[in-house]
Amino acid sequence: MRRLQKTSEKELLRSFVRMIRAKKTPTRGIIVGAGDDTAVVRPKSGEDLLVTTDILVENRHFKRGWFTGRELGWRLAAVNLSDIAAMGGKPLYGTLSLALPSQVGVDFVRGVERGVRDHLAAYGATIVGGNVSGIQRTIVCDLSLVGSCAKGRAWRRRCRPGRDAIVVVGSLGEARAGLDLLERGVRPRFSKKLIRAFKKPRPLLAVANLLRNEKAIHGAIDVSDGLSTDLIHICENSDAGCVIDAGTLPISKPLEAFCDKYGKDPTGMALNGGEDYALILSVDSAKARVICSRIKSALGLPARVIGRFTGDDGVYQITDVRGRRRKFEAKGWDHLSSRK
């Protein structure tokens, strides 16, 4: 296997540019793409640009042995694409930067690049530039992504207290269970879906495409850090509280099987797991169930009302299956904590 120490930066960047240009994605507005000092893009009149970035650090967010290069690139693209989905936008242009130890194989690096390229291309976006650097031990992958939405129409982390329902699109807790299984190094019968949820999350851009002009939607966020943490982000930005119903949380049968086997609480996994990249929508209460039906019918995705936003600023509660109510806190992922 050819290692990076036998490859020059110039050679690696040239092959990167060739790889990007080989995928002729019809992304609009690119005047100068990869291969110059900067890209030159021309935004469409009447649109706002959305800009996001995410970083994956080896031994913090992933183990190298868990992924092929292409799988890692696919996942890096997914977490950025999910941010664009949460704003109700369309992805356009990405820049990819990699910090690489010298012992990493060239094929692995090219796999990362292809994974990012192909996943962006699946949604009409393309890489327009990037950078590579050496690093001592661990791989660091960073993707910045630009998208767009109609002027003034970006979904924000907000709600209307006392008037909006909480809608979740997608499943919760599966990615955390998949991570647990990878850390354990075991593959029980039910593990395939859970491990896939962690390794290859699905950004819900189809929901943004379907609903970006729906006036009943007043805000959104993707579930990257965990339902508890991300839901509280919306509340904090809106001086709101919330009440959710544990019995309505989208908990799959594989997650139930995982919790049965390893003595985990499925409600806790759904509430605090993180990295599911489901969407939380704040939706006019009178139209929330209709919106859920529309998502299920058009996209075949699970969508359900799990609770409501309240006017009790800072009060976050969950009702269990017996009707007992308790407070909950943000206990999802914290990138600077000691949790691994």
C-alpha atoms as a PDB file:
ATOM      1  CA  MET A   1       0.000   0.000   0.000  1.00  0.00           C
ATOM      2  CA  ARG A   2       1.432   3.344  -1.033  1.00  0.00           C
ATOM      3  CA  ARG A   3       1.888   5.733   1.920  1.00  0.00           C
ATOM      4  CA  LEU A   4       1.670   9.520   1.950  1.00  0.00           C
ATOM      5  CA  GLN A   5       5.366   9.869   2.783  1.00  0.00           C
ATOM      6  CA  LYS A   6       6.042   8.676  -0.782  1.00  0.00           C
ATOM      7  CA  THR A   7       3.680  11.308  -2.263  1.00  0.00           C
ATOM      8  CA  SER A   8       4.257  15.060  -2.597  1.00  0.00           C
ATOM      9  CA  GLU A   9       1.644  17.671  -1.636  1.00  0.00           C
ATOM     10  CA  LYS A  10       1.640  18.889  -5.242  1.00  0.00           C
ATOM     11  CA  GLU A  11       0.924  15.402  -6.604  1.00  0.00           C
ATOM     12  CA  LEU A  12      -1.857  14.813  -4.067  1.00  0.00           C
ATOM     13  CA  LEU A  13      -3.542  18.149  -4.810  1.00  0.00           C
ATOM     14  CA  ARG A  14      -3.314  17.610  -8.559  1.00  0.00           C
ATOM     15  CA  SER A  15      -5.001  14.225  -8.267  1.00  0.00           C
ATOM     16  CA  PHE A  16      -7.631  15.818  -5.992  1.00  0.00           C
ATOM     17  CA  VAL A  17      -8.448  18.471  -8.626  1.00  0.00           C
ATOM     18  CA  ARG A  18      -8.603  15.818 -11.372  1.00  0.00           C
ATOM     19  CA  MET A  19     -10.962  13.746  -9.248  1.00  0.00           C
ATOM     20  CA  ILE A  20     -13.282  16.731  -8.674  1.00  0.00           C
ATOM     21  CA  ARG A  21     -13.340  17.693 -12.351  1.00  0.00           C
ATOM     22  CA  ALA A  22     -14.083  14.106 -13.382  1.00  0.00           C
ATOM     23  CA  LYS A  23     -17.475  14.339 -11.659  1.00  0.00           C
ATOM     24  CA  LYS A  24     -19.333  16.810 -13.830  1.00  0.00           C
ATOM     25  CA  THR A  25     -21.996  17.911 -11.365  1.00  0.00           C
ATOM     26  CA  PRO A  26     -24.159  20.663 -12.920  1.00  0.00           C
ATOM     27  CA  THR A  27     -23.856  23.081  -9.974  1.00  0.00           C
ATOM     28  CA  ARG A  28     -24.850  26.606 -10.941  1.00  0.00           C
ATOM     29  CA  GLY A  29     -22.909  29.766 -10.281  1.00  0.00           C
ATOM     30  CA  ILE A  30     -19.324  28.434 -10.393  1.00  0.00           C
ATOM     31  CA  ILE A  31     -17.104  30.881 -12.282  1.00  0.00           C
ATOM     32  CA  VAL A  32     -13.759  29.430 -11.147  1.00  0.00           C
ATOM     33  CA  GLY A  33     -13.680  26.016  -9.481  1.00  0.00           C
ATOM     34  CA  ALA A  34     -10.956  23.936  -7.858  1.00  0.00           C
ATOM     35  CA  GLY A  35      -7.371  24.550  -8.973  1.00  0.00           C
ATOM     36  CA  ASP A  36      -6.898  28.294  -8.383  1.00  0.00           C
ATOM     37  CA  ASP A  37      -6.107  30.334  -5.245  1.00  0.00           C
ATOM     38  CA  THR A  38      -9.816  30.601  -4.477  1.00  0.00           C
ATOM     39  CA  ALA A  39     -13.046  29.551  -6.069  1.00  0.00           C
ATOM     40  CA  VAL A  40     -15.228  32.225  -7.667  1.00  0.00           C
ATOM     41  CA  VAL A  41     -18.977  31.758  -7.363  1.00  0.00           C
ATOM     42  CA  ARG A  42     -21.865  34.009  -8.333  1.00  0.00           C
ATOM     43  CA  PRO A  43     -24.941  33.829  -6.058  1.00  0.00           C
ATOM     44  CA  LYS A  44     -28.353  33.923  -7.655  1.00  0.00           C
ATOM     45  CA  SER A  45     -30.288  37.140  -7.191  1.00  0.00           C
ATOM     46  CA  GLY A  46     -33.006  36.931  -4.539  1.00  0.00           C
ATOM     47  CA  GLU A  47     -31.319  34.183  -2.512  1.00  0.00           C
ATOM     48  CA  ASP A  48     -29.485  34.089   0.815  1.00  0.00           C
ATOM     49  CA  LEU A  49     -26.325  32.025   1.162  1.00  0.00           C
ATOM     50  CA  LEU A  50     -26.035  29.425   3.929  1.00  0.00           C
ATOM     51  CA  VAL A  51     -22.521  28.643   5.201  1.00  0.00           C
ATOM     52  CA  THR A  52     -21.618  25.755   7.512  1.00  0.00           C
ATOM     53  CA  THR A  53     -18.574  23.722   8.481  1.00  0.00           C
ATOM     54  CA  ASP A  54     -17.934  20.489  10.356  1.00  0.00           C
ATOM     55  CA  ILE A  55     -14.826  18.658  11.435  1.00  0.00           C
ATOM     56  CA  LEU A  56     -14.177  14.957  12.091  1.00  0.00           C
ATOM     57  CA  VAL A  57     -11.163  14.136  14.260  1.00  0.00           C
ATOM     58  CA  GLU A  58      -9.766  10.619  14.476  1.00  0.00           C
ATOM     59  CA  ASN A  59     -10.112   9.025  17.934  1.00  0.00           C
ATOM     60  CA  ARG A  60     -12.580  11.749  18.914  1.00  0.00           C
ATOM     61  CA  HIS A  61     -15.343  11.254  16.366  1.00  0.00           C
ATOM     62  CA  PHE A  62     -14.269   7.978  14.746  1.00  0.00           C
ATOM     63  CA  LYS A  63     -11.725   5.165  14.718  1.00  0.00           C
ATOM     64  CA  ARG A  64      -9.869   4.620  11.461  1.00  0.00           C
ATOM     65  CA  GLY A  65     -10.583   0.897  11.505  1.00  0.00           C
ATOM     66  CA  TRP A  66     -14.345   1.508  11.466  1.00  0.00           C
ATOM     67  CA  PHE A  67     -14.381   3.193   8.046  1.00  0.00           C
ATOM     68  CA  THR A  68     -13.100   2.851   4.544  1.00  0.00           C
ATOM     69  CA  GLY A  69     -11.908   6.168   3.173  1.00  0.00           C
ATOM     70  CA  ARG A  70     -15.022   6.525   1.059  1.00  0.00           C
ATOM     71  CA  GLU A  71     -17.298   5.821   4.034  1.00  0.00           C
ATOM     72  CA  LEU A  72     -15.523   8.472   6.084  1.00  0.00           C
ATOM     73  CA  GLY A  73     -15.855  11.027   3.285  1.00  0.00           C
ATOM     74  CA  TRP A  74     -19.526  10.151   2.866  1.00  0.00           C
ATOM     75  CA  ARG A  75     -20.130  10.720   6.579  1.00  0.00           C
ATOM     76  CA  LEU A  76     -18.274  14.039   6.571  1.00  0.00           C
ATOM     77  CA  ALA A  77     -20.471  15.246   3.727  1.00  0.00           C
ATOM     78  CA  ALA A  78     -23.603  13.981   5.490  1.00  0.00           C
ATOM     79  CA  VAL A  79     -23.123  16.031   8.653  1.00  0.00           C
ATOM     80  CA  ASN A  80     -22.690  19.206   6.608  1.00  0.00           C
ATOM     81  CA  LEU A  81     -25.571  18.426   4.259  1.00  0.00           C
ATOM     82  CA  SER A  82     -27.766  17.917   7.326  1.00  0.00           C
ATOM     83  CA  ASP A  83     -27.028  21.487   8.464  1.00  0.00           C
ATOM     84  CA  ILE A  84     -28.200  22.803   5.100  1.00  0.00           C
ATOM     85  CA  ALA A  85     -31.339  20.655   5.360  1.00  0.00           C
ATOM     86  CA  ALA A  86     -32.058  22.101   8.820  1.00  0.00           C
ATOM     87  CA  MET A  87     -32.075  25.587   7.294  1.00  0.00           C
ATOM     88  CA  GLY A  88     -34.491  24.563   4.543  1.00  0.00           C
ATOM     89  CA  GLY A  89     -31.789  25.100   1.951  1.00  0.00           C
ATOM     90  CA  LYS A  90     -30.095  23.561  -1.077  1.00  0.00           C
ATOM     91  CA  PRO A  91     -26.358  22.643  -0.998  1.00  0.00           C
ATOM     92  CA  LEU A  92     -24.111  24.219  -3.636  1.00  0.00           C
ATOM     93  CA  TYR A  93     -20.352  24.357  -3.039  1.00  0.00           C
ATOM     94  CA  GLY A  94     -17.900  22.699  -0.644  1.00  0.00           C
ATOM     95  CA  THR A  95     -14.243  23.104   0.308  1.00  0.00           C
ATOM     96  CA  LEU A  96     -12.429  20.110   1.798  1.00  0.00           C
ATOM     97  CA  SER A  97      -9.344  20.274   4.028  1.00  0.00           C
ATOM     98  CA  LEU A  98      -7.432  17.256   5.312  1.00  0.00           C
ATOM     99  CA  ALA A  99      -4.636  16.990   7.897  1.00  0.00           C
ATOM    100  CA  LEU A 100      -2.955  13.622   7.375  1.00  0.00           C
ATOM    101  CA  PRO A 101      -0.313  11.525   9.139  1.00  0.00           C
ATOM    102  CA  SER A 102       2.422  10.280   6.821  1.00  0.00           C
ATOM    103  CA  GLN A 103       1.587   6.594   7.394  1.00  0.00           C
ATOM    104  CA  VAL A 104      -1.932   6.908   5.951  1.00  0.00           C
ATOM    105  CA  GLY A 105      -2.384   5.159   2.625  1.00  0.00           C
ATOM    106  CA  VAL A 106      -2.916   7.227  -0.521  1.00  0.00           C
ATOM    107  CA  ASP A 107      -5.896   5.059  -1.504  1.00  0.00           C
ATOM    108  CA  PHE A 108      -7.579   5.818   1.837  1.00  0.00           C
ATOM    109  CA  VAL A 109      -7.153   9.563   1.277  1.00  0.00           C
ATOM    110  CA  ARG A 110      -8.497   9.361  -2.251  1.00  0.00           C
ATOM    111  CA  GLY A 111     -11.415   7.369  -0.889  1.00  0.00           C
ATOM    112  CA  VAL A 112     -12.225  10.198   1.534  1.00  0.00           C
ATOM    113  CA  GLU A 113     -12.147  12.689  -1.331  1.00  0.00           C
ATOM    114  CA  ARG A 114     -14.394  10.521  -3.514  1.00  0.00           C
ATOM    115  CA  GLY A 115     -16.827   9.921  -0.658  1.00  0.00           C
ATOM    116  CA  VAL A 116     -17.265  13.650  -0.111  1.00  0.00           C
ATOM    117  CA  ARG A 117     -17.459  14.359  -3.830  1.00  0.00           C
ATOM    118  CA  ASP A 118     -20.040  11.671  -4.564  1.00  0.00           C
ATOM    119  CA  HIS A 119     -22.292  12.454  -1.598  1.00  0.00           C
ATOM    120  CA  LEU A 120     -22.338  16.165  -2.448  1.00  0.00           C
ATOM    121  CA  ALA A 121     -23.014  15.333  -6.092  1.00  0.00           C
ATOM    122  CA  ALA A 122     -26.042  13.241  -5.093  1.00  0.00           C
ATOM    123  CA  TYR A 123     -27.650  16.525  -3.992  1.00  0.00           C
ATOM    124  CA  GLY A 124     -26.371  18.711  -6.830  1.00  0.00           C
ATOM    125  CA  ALA A 125     -23.377  20.193  -4.979  1.00  0.00           C
ATOM    126  CA  THR A 126     -19.679  20.078  -5.805  1.00  0.00           C
ATOM    127  CA  ILE A 127     -16.249  20.641  -4.243  1.00  0.00           C
ATOM    128  CA  VAL A 128     -14.696  23.913  -5.430  1.00  0.00           C
ATOM    129  CA  GLY A 129     -11.431  23.821  -3.483  1.00  0.00           C
ATOM    130  CA  GLY A 130      -9.544  22.575  -0.465  1.00  0.00           C
ATOM    131  CA  ASN A 131      -6.197  21.983   1.188  1.00  0.00           C
ATOM    132  CA  VAL A 132      -3.987  19.253   2.634  1.00  0.00           C
ATOM    133  CA  SER A 133      -1.467  19.343   5.480  1.00  0.00           C
ATOM    134  CA  GLY A 134       0.666  16.914   7.411  1.00  0.00           C
ATOM    135  CA  ILE A 135      -0.077  16.133  11.044  1.00  0.00           C
ATOM    136  CA  GLN A 136       1.667  14.012  13.679  1.00  0.00           C
ATOM    137  CA  ARG A 137      -0.735  11.149  14.449  1.00  0.00           C
ATOM    138  CA  THR A 138      -4.461  11.539  13.802  1.00  0.00           C
ATOM    139  CA  ILE A 139      -6.513  12.279  10.705  1.00  0.00           C
ATOM    140  CA  VAL A 140      -8.469  15.545  10.748  1.00  0.00           C
ATOM    141  CA  CYS A 141     -11.117  16.114   8.065  1.00  0.00           C
ATOM    142  CA  ASP A 142     -12.880  19.443   7.632  1.00  0.00           C
ATOM    143  CA  LEU A 143     -15.596  20.330   5.147  1.00  0.00           C
ATOM    144  CA  SER A 144     -17.116  23.766   4.655  1.00  0.00           C
ATOM    145  CA  LEU A 145     -20.335  23.842   2.683  1.00  0.00           C
ATOM    146  CA  VAL A 146     -22.262  26.693   1.080  1.00  0.00           C
ATOM    147  CA  GLY A 147     -25.950  26.409   0.256  1.00  0.00           C
ATOM    148  CA  SER A 148     -28.786  28.758  -0.554  1.00  0.00           C
ATOM    149  CA  CYS A 149     -32.400  29.479   0.231  1.00  0.00           C
ATOM    150  CA  ALA A 150     -34.937  32.089  -0.813  1.00  0.00           C
ATOM    151  CA  LYS A 151     -34.163  35.515   0.633  1.00  0.00           C
ATOM    152  CA  GLY A 152     -35.361  35.745   4.236  1.00  0.00           C
ATOM    153  CA  ARG A 153     -36.761  32.188   4.231  1.00  0.00           C
ATOM    154  CA  ALA A 154     -34.083  30.213   6.092  1.00  0.00           C
ATOM    155  CA  TRP A 155     -35.417  28.005   8.859  1.00  0.00           C
ATOM    156  CA  ARG A 156     -33.996  29.164  12.174  1.00  0.00           C
ATOM    157  CA  ARG A 157     -33.609  27.648  15.660  1.00  0.00           C
ATOM    158  CA  ARG A 158     -36.857  29.127  16.911  1.00  0.00           C
ATOM    159  CA  CYS A 159     -40.494  28.446  17.675  1.00  0.00           C
ATOM    160  CA  ARG A 160     -43.697  30.202  18.717  1.00  0.00           C
ATOM    161  CA  PRO A 161     -44.103  29.405  22.437  1.00  0.00           C
ATOM    162  CA  GLY A 162     -47.554  28.053  23.258  1.00  0.00           C
ATOM    163  CA  ARG A 163     -48.560  27.783  19.595  1.00  0.00           C
ATOM    164  CA  ASP A 164     -46.130  25.334  17.966  1.00  0.00           C
ATOM    165  CA  ALA A 165     -45.935  21.561  18.084  1.00  0.00           C
ATOM    166  CA  ILE A 166     -42.638  19.650  18.088  1.00  0.00           C
ATOM    167  CA  VAL A 167     -42.291  17.372  15.055  1.00  0.00           C
ATOM    168  CA  VAL A 168     -39.429  14.889  14.621  1.00  0.00           C
ATOM    169  CA  VAL A 169     -38.602  13.462  11.200  1.00  0.00           C
ATOM    170  CA  GLY A 170     -36.395  10.369  11.283  1.00  0.00           C
ATOM    171  CA  SER A 171     -35.308   7.979  14.028  1.00  0.00           C
ATOM    172  CA  LEU A 172     -33.571   8.684  17.331  1.00  0.00           C
ATOM    173  CA  GLY A 173     -30.952   6.788  19.322  1.00  0.00           C
ATOM    174  CA  GLU A 174     -29.834   4.429  16.556  1.00  0.00           C
ATOM    175  CA  ALA A 175     -26.531   6.162  15.818  1.00  0.00           C
ATOM    176  CA  ARG A 176     -25.509   6.144  19.499  1.00  0.00           C
ATOM    177  CA  ALA A 177     -26.302   2.433  19.667  1.00  0.00           C
ATOM    178  CA  GLY A 178     -24.290   1.841  16.482  1.00  0.00           C
ATOM    179  CA  LEU A 179     -21.325   3.689  17.975  1.00  0.00           C
ATOM    180  CA  ASP A 180     -21.612   1.583  21.132  1.00  0.00           C
ATOM    181  CA  LEU A 181     -21.545  -1.614  19.075  1.00  0.00           C
ATOM    182  CA  LEU A 182     -18.470  -0.465  17.136  1.00  0.00           C
ATOM    183  CA  GLU A 183     -16.720   0.336  20.415  1.00  0.00           C
ATOM    184  CA  ARG A 184     -17.650  -3.099  21.773  1.00  0.00           C
ATOM    185  CA  GLY A 185     -16.418  -4.759  18.594  1.00  0.00           C
ATOM    186  CA  VAL A 186     -19.498  -6.971  18.378  1.00  0.00           C
ATOM    187  CA  ARG A 187     -22.085  -7.495  15.645  1.00  0.00           C
ATOM    188  CA  PRO A 188     -25.266  -9.082  17.054  1.00  0.00           C
ATOM    189  CA  ARG A 189     -28.135  -9.939  14.731  1.00  0.00           C
ATOM    190  CA  PHE A 190     -29.822  -6.539  15.024  1.00  0.00           C
ATOM    191  CA  SER A 191     -26.645  -4.479  14.546  1.00  0.00           C
ATOM    192  CA  LYS A 192     -26.679  -3.783  10.795  1.00  0.00           C
ATOM    193  CA  LYS A 193     -29.225  -0.932  10.860  1.00  0.00           C
ATOM    194  CA  LEU A 194     -27.718   0.617  13.992  1.00  0.00           C
ATOM    195  CA  ILE A 195     -24.140   0.622  12.721  1.00  0.00           C
ATOM    196  CA  ARG A 196     -25.312   2.003   9.396  1.00  0.00           C
ATOM    197  CA  ALA A 197     -27.112   4.816  11.238  1.00  0.00           C
ATOM    198  CA  PHE A 198     -23.768   5.880  12.718  1.00  0.00           C
ATOM    199  CA  LYS A 199     -21.516   5.251   9.722  1.00  0.00           C
ATOM    200  CA  LYS A 200     -23.809   6.444   6.936  1.00  0.00           C
ATOM    201  CA  PRO A 201     -26.416   8.913   8.250  1.00  0.00           C
ATOM    202  CA  ARG A 202     -28.990  10.209   5.802  1.00  0.00           C
ATOM    203  CA  PRO A 203     -29.247  14.012   5.540  1.00  0.00           C
ATOM    204  CA  LEU A 204     -32.926  14.931   5.201  1.00  0.00           C
ATOM    205  CA  LEU A 205     -32.644  17.377   2.322  1.00  0.00           C
ATOM    206  CA  ALA A 206     -35.754  15.815   0.813  1.00  0.00           C
ATOM    207  CA  VAL A 207     -37.731  17.288   3.729  1.00  0.00           C
ATOM    208  CA  ALA A 208     -36.290  20.736   2.996  1.00  0.00           C
ATOM    209  CA  ASN A 209     -37.164  20.343  -0.692  1.00  0.00           C
ATOM    210  CA  LEU A 210     -40.723  19.325   0.170  1.00  0.00           C
ATOM    211  CA  LEU A 211     -41.467  21.920   2.839  1.00  0.00           C
ATOM    212  CA  ARG A 212     -39.246  24.958   2.319  1.00  0.00           C
ATOM    213  CA  ASN A 213     -42.263  27.048   1.206  1.00  0.00           C
ATOM    214  CA  GLU A 214     -44.575  25.733   3.953  1.00  0.00           C
ATOM    215  CA  LYS A 215     -45.567  28.705   6.117  1.00  0.00           C
ATOM    216  CA  ALA A 216     -46.694  26.456   8.993  1.00  0.00           C
ATOM    217  CA  ILE A 217     -43.044  25.634   9.727  1.00  0.00           C
ATOM    218  CA  HIS A 218     -41.530  28.270  12.017  1.00  0.00           C
ATOM    219  CA  GLY A 219     -38.125  26.756  12.772  1.00  0.00           C
ATOM    220  CA  ALA A 220     -35.880  23.708  12.630  1.00  0.00           C
ATOM    221  CA  ILE A 221     -32.670  22.087  13.823  1.00  0.00           C
ATOM    222  CA  ASP A 222     -30.984  18.790  13.021  1.00  0.00           C
ATOM    223  CA  VAL A 223     -30.341  16.254  15.764  1.00  0.00           C
ATOM    224  CA  SER A 224     -26.549  16.191  15.849  1.00  0.00           C
ATOM    225  CA  ASP A 225     -25.863  16.562  19.577  1.00  0.00           C
ATOM    226  CA  GLY A 226     -28.971  14.755  20.846  1.00  0.00           C
ATOM    227  CA  LEU A 227     -32.696  15.504  21.030  1.00  0.00           C
ATOM    228  CA  SER A 228     -32.465  16.958  24.543  1.00  0.00           C
ATOM    229  CA  THR A 229     -29.635  19.331  23.661  1.00  0.00           C
ATOM    230  CA  ASP A 230     -30.896  20.379  20.240  1.00  0.00           C
ATOM    231  CA  LEU A 231     -34.498  20.860  21.348  1.00  0.00           C
ATOM    232  CA  ILE A 232     -33.278  23.108  24.166  1.00  0.00           C
ATOM    233  CA  HIS A 233     -31.326  25.159  21.601  1.00  0.00           C
ATOM    234  CA  ILE A 234     -34.652  26.061  19.956  1.00  0.00           C
ATOM    235  CA  CYS A 235     -36.250  26.851  23.308  1.00  0.00           C
ATOM    236  CA  GLU A 236     -33.371  29.071  24.420  1.00  0.00           C
ATOM    237  CA  ASN A 237     -33.532  31.078  21.203  1.00  0.00           C
ATOM    238  CA  SER A 238     -37.285  31.621  21.636  1.00  0.00           C
ATOM    239  CA  ASP A 239     -37.642  32.140  25.426  1.00  0.00           C
ATOM    240  CA  ALA A 240     -39.680  28.943  25.463  1.00  0.00           C
ATOM    241  CA  GLY A 241     -40.051  25.696  27.336  1.00  0.00           C
ATOM    242  CA  CYS A 242     -41.289  22.357  26.080  1.00  0.00           C
ATOM    243  CA  VAL A 243     -43.174  19.214  27.030  1.00  0.00           C
ATOM    244  CA  ILE A 244     -42.494  15.972  25.168  1.00  0.00           C
ATOM    245  CA  ASP A 245     -44.222  12.593  25.382  1.00  0.00           C
ATOM    246  CA  ALA A 246     -41.861   9.635  25.831  1.00  0.00           C
ATOM    247  CA  GLY A 247     -44.409   7.313  24.248  1.00  0.00           C
ATOM    248  CA  THR A 248     -44.222   9.176  20.936  1.00  0.00           C
ATOM    249  CA  LEU A 249     -40.436   9.134  20.510  1.00  0.00           C
ATOM    250  CA  PRO A 250     -39.406   7.307  17.311  1.00  0.00           C
ATOM    251  CA  ILE A 251     -37.660   4.242  18.741  1.00  0.00           C
ATOM    252  CA  SER A 252     -36.992   1.433  16.261  1.00  0.00           C
ATOM    253  CA  LYS A 253     -37.150  -2.295  16.893  1.00  0.00           C
ATOM    254  CA  PRO A 254     -33.360  -2.712  16.434  1.00  0.00           C
ATOM    255  CA  LEU A 255     -32.814  -0.023  19.091  1.00  0.00           C
ATOM    256  CA  GLU A 256     -35.243  -1.803  21.428  1.00  0.00           C
ATOM    257  CA  ALA A 257     -33.345  -5.063  20.860  1.00  0.00           C
ATOM    258  CA  PHE A 258     -30.040  -3.320  21.602  1.00  0.00           C
ATOM    259  CA  CYS A 259     -31.421  -1.834  24.832  1.00  0.00           C
ATOM    260  CA  ASP A 260     -32.834  -5.211  25.919  1.00  0.00           C
ATOM    261  CA  LYS A 261     -29.498  -6.934  25.361  1.00  0.00           C
ATOM    262  CA  TYR A 262     -27.262  -4.336  27.012  1.00  0.00           C
ATOM    263  CA  GLY A 263     -29.551  -3.008  29.732  1.00  0.00           C
ATOM    264  CA  LYS A 264     -29.993   0.454  28.249  1.00  0.00           C
ATOM    265  CA  ASP A 265     -33.015   2.771  28.551  1.00  0.00           C
ATOM    266  CA  PRO A 266     -34.478   3.332  25.054  1.00  0.00           C
ATOM    267  CA  THR A 267     -36.024   6.655  26.082  1.00  0.00           C
ATOM    268  CA  GLY A 268     -32.652   7.856  27.358  1.00  0.00           C
ATOM    269  CA  MET A 269     -30.957   6.717  24.142  1.00  0.00           C
ATOM    270  CA  ALA A 270     -33.522   8.569  22.016  1.00  0.00           C
ATOM    271  CA  LEU A 271     -33.354  11.664  24.210  1.00  0.00           C
ATOM    272  CA  ASN A 272     -29.583  12.013  24.548  1.00  0.00           C
ATOM    273  CA  GLY A 273     -27.940   9.821  21.907  1.00  0.00           C
ATOM    274  CA  GLY A 274     -26.916  12.286  19.196  1.00  0.00           C
ATOM    275  CA  GLU A 275     -25.638  12.016  15.615  1.00  0.00           C
ATOM    276  CA  ASP A 276     -28.942  10.754  14.246  1.00  0.00           C
ATOM    277  CA  TYR A 277     -29.353  13.763  11.918  1.00  0.00           C
ATOM    278  CA  ALA A 278     -33.102  13.586  12.254  1.00  0.00           C
ATOM    279  CA  LEU A 279     -34.895  16.931  11.966  1.00  0.00           C
ATOM    280  CA  ILE A 280     -36.790  18.745  14.701  1.00  0.00           C
ATOM    281  CA  LEU A 281     -39.416  21.077  13.255  1.00  0.00           C
ATOM    282  CA  SER A 282     -41.452  23.692  15.100  1.00  0.00           C
ATOM    283  CA  VAL A 283     -44.826  23.577  13.365  1.00  0.00           C
ATOM    284  CA  ASP A 284     -48.140  25.355  13.824  1.00  0.00           C
ATOM    285  CA  SER A 285     -50.035  23.040  16.176  1.00  0.00           C
ATOM    286  CA  ALA A 286     -53.156  23.106  14.007  1.00  0.00           C
ATOM    287  CA  LYS A 287     -51.223  21.802  10.987  1.00  0.00           C
ATOM    288  CA  ALA A 288     -48.573  19.575  12.560  1.00  0.00           C
ATOM    289  CA  ARG A 289     -50.284  16.224  11.952  1.00  0.00           C
ATOM    290  CA  VAL A 290     -51.095  17.170   8.375  1.00  0.00           C
ATOM    291  CA  ILE A 291     -47.424  18.039   7.837  1.00  0.00           C
ATOM    292  CA  CYS A 292     -46.406  14.651   9.278  1.00  0.00           C
ATOM    293  CA  SER A 293     -48.809  12.854   6.931  1.00  0.00           C
ATOM    294  CA  ARG A 294     -47.459  14.812   4.000  1.00  0.00           C
ATOM    295  CA  ILE A 295     -43.869  13.816   4.829  1.00  0.00           C
ATOM    296  CA  LYS A 296     -44.807  10.136   5.233  1.00  0.00           C
ATOM    297  CA  SER A 297     -46.825  10.093   2.030  1.00  0.00           C
ATOM    298  CA  ALA A 298     -44.359  11.951  -0.183  1.00  0.00           C
ATOM    299  CA  LEU A 299     -41.053  10.682   1.213  1.00  0.00           C
ATOM    300  CA  GLY A 300     -41.801   7.497   3.168  1.00  0.00           C
ATOM    301  CA  LEU A 301     -39.984   8.912   6.199  1.00  0.00           C
ATOM    302  CA  PRO A 302     -41.136   8.532   9.810  1.00  0.00           C
ATOM    303  CA  ALA A 303     -42.564  11.841  11.060  1.00  0.00           C
ATOM    304  CA  ARG A 304     -44.506  12.398  14.257  1.00  0.00           C
ATOM    305  CA  VAL A 305     -45.598  14.989  16.781  1.00  0.00           C
ATOM    306  CA  ILE A 306     -43.669  14.343  20.010  1.00  0.00           C
ATOM    307  CA  GLY A 307     -44.795  17.313  22.089  1.00  0.00           C
ATOM    308  CA  ARG A 308     -45.244  21.076  22.157  1.00  0.00           C
ATOM    309  CA  PHE A 309     -43.381  24.275  22.892  1.00  0.00           C
ATOM    310  CA  THR A 310     -44.659  26.182  25.921  1.00  0.00           C
ATOM    311  CA  GLY A 311     -44.416  29.674  27.315  1.00  0.00           C
ATOM    312  CA  ASP A 312     -42.618  28.403  30.444  1.00  0.00           C
ATOM    313  CA  ASP A 313     -39.181  29.757  29.587  1.00  0.00           C
ATOM    314  CA  GLY A 314     -36.450  27.313  30.579  1.00  0.00           C
ATOM    315  CA  VAL A 315     -38.778  24.537  31.767  1.00  0.00           C
ATOM    316  CA  TYR A 316     -38.159  21.312  29.820  1.00  0.00           C
ATOM    317  CA  GLN A 317     -40.332  18.317  30.693  1.00  0.00           C
ATOM    318  CA  ILE A 318     -40.976  14.766  29.518  1.00  0.00           C
ATOM    319  CA  THR A 319     -44.091  12.718  30.279  1.00  0.00           C
ATOM    320  CA  ASP A 320     -43.603   8.962  30.687  1.00  0.00           C
ATOM    321  CA  VAL A 321     -45.989   6.219  29.581  1.00  0.00           C
ATOM    322  CA  ARG A 322     -47.788   6.388  32.954  1.00  0.00           C
ATOM    323  CA  GLY A 323     -48.456  10.095  32.582  1.00  0.00           C
ATOM    324  CA  ARG A 324     -45.823  11.140  35.115  1.00  0.00           C
ATOM    325  CA  ARG A 325     -43.948  14.311  34.199  1.00  0.00           C
ATOM    326  CA  ARG A 326     -40.330  15.114  35.053  1.00  0.00           C
ATOM    327  CA  LYS A 327     -37.809  17.713  34.008  1.00  0.00           C
ATOM    328  CA  PHE A 328     -34.980  16.917  31.641  1.00  0.00           C
ATOM    329  CA  GLU A 329     -31.700  18.671  30.833  1.00  0.00           C
ATOM    330  CA  ALA A 330     -29.393  18.891  27.843  1.00  0.00           C
ATOM    331  CA  LYS A 331     -27.374  15.674  28.110  1.00  0.00           C
ATOM    332  CA  GLY A 332     -26.394  15.124  24.515  1.00  0.00           C
ATOM    333  CA  TRP A 333     -22.958  15.311  22.958  1.00  0.00           C
ATOM    334  CA  ASP A 334     -20.537  18.044  24.059  1.00  0.00           C
ATOM    335  CA  HIS A 335     -17.487  18.231  21.781  1.00  0.00           C
ATOM    336  CA  LEU A 336     -15.264  19.582  24.563  1.00  0.00           C
ATOM    337  CA  SER A 337     -16.367  17.167  27.286  1.00  0.00           C
ATOM    338  CA  SER A 338     -14.500  14.037  28.347  1.00  0.00           C
ATOM    339  CA  ARG A 339     -17.172  11.786  26.816  1.00  0.00           C
ATOM    340  CA  LYS A 340     -15.944   9.646  23.949  1.00  0.00           C
END
